[in-house]
């Protein structure tokens, strides 16, 4: 997904996050997923296939995948990297804690799937 909201020159980029039930519940109530328990930042996959691979890791049993979109200007402030391996998310994005206020404020309404549905 790469779209421009009406009146905006900043296209939006689809991003995907694998979350547990606690984070899913917070997201459903607040429209964003809040601070990570470790206070270290947040990771997003840049493809749905990558999010599926990570969600299917044994440590993520019962996980949910959220899809949202962020303005390209916000995405460009994150760190893009490759998460390798059979359960790696592939092309991914990391935002340090200091950027999460901007990330949360600019998220489009999320779509939430159980890992098995996505």
Protein backbone atom coordinates (compact mmCIF):
# COMPACT_ATOMS: atom_id res chain seq x y z
CA UNK A 1 0.00 0.00 0.00
CA UNK A 2 1.40 3.33 -1.01
CA UNK A 3 -1.20 6.04 -1.18
CA UNK A 4 -1.45 9.75 -0.61
CA UNK A 5 -4.14 11.09 1.69
CA UNK A 6 -6.21 13.77 0.02
CA UNK A 7 -4.34 17.07 0.08
CA UNK A 8 -1.02 15.47 1.07
CA UNK A 9 2.24 15.24 -0.84
CA UNK A 10 3.51 12.59 1.60
CA UNK A 11 2.63 9.10 0.31
CA UNK A 12 1.82 6.45 2.89
CA UNK A 13 3.77 3.19 3.17
CA UNK A 14 2.22 -0.06 4.39
CA UNK A 15 3.94 -1.56 7.44
CA UNK A 16 3.17 -4.69 9.45
CA UNK A 17 3.77 -5.50 13.10
CA UNK A 18 3.51 -8.83 14.92
CA UNK A 19 1.95 -8.36 18.36
CA UNK A 20 0.75 -10.48 21.27
CA UNK A 21 -2.72 -10.36 22.86
CA UNK A 22 -1.75 -7.61 25.33
CA UNK A 23 -0.53 -5.30 22.59
CA UNK A 24 -3.50 -6.20 20.33
CA UNK A 25 -5.94 -5.25 23.09
CA UNK A 26 -4.17 -1.93 23.69
CA UNK A 27 -4.16 -1.23 19.95
CA UNK A 28 -7.89 -1.96 19.66
CA UNK A 29 -8.64 0.43 22.54
CA UNK A 30 -6.25 3.28 21.63
CA UNK A 31 -5.62 3.13 17.87
CA UNK A 32 -1.88 2.63 18.33
CA UNK A 33 0.14 0.02 20.16
CA UNK A 34 1.72 2.18 22.86
CA UNK A 35 5.22 1.80 24.22
CA UNK A 36 7.01 -1.49 24.04
CA UNK A 37 7.53 -3.16 27.44
CA UNK A 38 11.30 -2.88 27.01
CA UNK A 39 11.04 0.84 26.15
CA UNK A 40 13.60 0.20 23.40
CA UNK A 41 11.63 0.92 20.23
CA UNK A 42 9.46 -0.97 17.74
CA UNK A 43 10.01 -3.20 14.75
CA UNK A 44 7.83 -3.39 11.65
CA UNK A 45 8.00 -5.71 8.64
CA UNK A 46 7.76 -3.97 5.28
CA UNK A 47 5.90 -6.88 3.66
CA UNK A 48 2.96 -9.03 4.73
CA UNK A 49 4.94 -12.16 3.81
CA UNK A 50 7.71 -11.02 6.18
CA UNK A 51 5.21 -10.45 8.98
CA UNK A 52 3.71 -13.89 8.36
CA UNK A 53 7.15 -15.53 8.57
CA UNK A 54 7.88 -13.80 11.88
CA UNK A 55 4.38 -14.55 13.25
CA UNK A 56 4.93 -18.24 12.48
CA UNK A 57 8.06 -18.45 14.63
CA UNK A 58 7.47 -20.80 17.59
CA UNK A 59 8.08 -17.93 20.05
CA UNK A 60 5.16 -16.01 18.47
CA UNK A 61 2.47 -18.70 18.79
CA UNK A 62 -0.92 -17.02 18.98
CA UNK A 63 0.41 -13.73 17.60
CA UNK A 64 -1.56 -11.16 15.65
CA UNK A 65 -0.45 -9.17 12.63
CA UNK A 66 -1.42 -5.55 12.33
CA UNK A 67 -1.28 -3.62 9.09
CA UNK A 68 -1.14 0.13 9.10
CA UNK A 69 0.39 2.83 6.94
CA UNK A 70 2.83 5.58 7.82
CA UNK A 71 3.81 8.70 5.88
CA UNK A 72 6.98 8.18 3.85
CA UNK A 73 8.54 11.07 5.78
CA UNK A 74 8.12 9.07 9.02
CA UNK A 75 9.35 5.82 7.45
CA UNK A 76 12.49 7.61 6.26
CA UNK A 77 13.33 8.46 9.89
CA UNK A 78 13.45 4.77 10.87
CA UNK A 79 16.26 2.30 10.32
CA UNK A 80 15.65 -0.11 7.43
CA UNK A 81 17.39 -3.48 7.73
CA UNK A 82 17.07 -7.09 6.61
CA UNK A 83 15.89 -9.67 9.19
CA UNK A 84 17.20 -13.03 7.84
CA UNK A 85 16.24 -16.63 8.46
CA UNK A 86 13.18 -18.84 8.07
CA UNK A 87 11.26 -16.82 10.67
CA UNK A 88 12.90 -13.50 9.90
CA UNK A 89 10.67 -10.72 8.61
CA UNK A 90 12.92 -9.89 5.65
CA UNK A 91 12.97 -6.19 4.82
CA UNK A 92 12.12 -4.48 8.11
CA UNK A 93 12.00 -1.12 9.84
CA UNK A 94 13.00 -0.11 13.36
CA UNK A 95 11.97 3.06 15.21
CA UNK A 96 13.81 3.98 18.41
CA UNK A 97 11.72 4.98 21.41
CA UNK A 98 12.27 8.72 20.74
CA UNK A 99 10.35 8.48 17.43
CA UNK A 100 7.37 6.47 18.67
CA UNK A 101 5.22 9.50 19.49
CA UNK A 102 5.45 10.57 15.83
CA UNK A 103 4.91 7.00 14.60
CA UNK A 104 1.81 6.50 16.77
CA UNK A 105 0.37 9.91 15.84
CA UNK A 106 0.71 9.26 12.11
CA UNK A 107 -0.52 5.64 11.89
CA UNK A 108 -3.54 4.98 9.70
CA UNK A 109 -6.33 2.96 11.36
CA UNK A 110 -4.90 -0.54 11.79
CA UNK A 111 -6.22 -3.78 10.37
CA UNK A 112 -5.71 -6.70 12.77
CA UNK A 113 -5.49 -10.38 11.83
CA UNK A 114 -4.63 -13.43 13.85
CA UNK A 115 -1.34 -14.81 12.54
CA UNK A 116 -3.19 -17.72 10.92
CA UNK A 117 -5.63 -15.45 9.05
CA UNK A 118 -3.17 -13.03 7.49
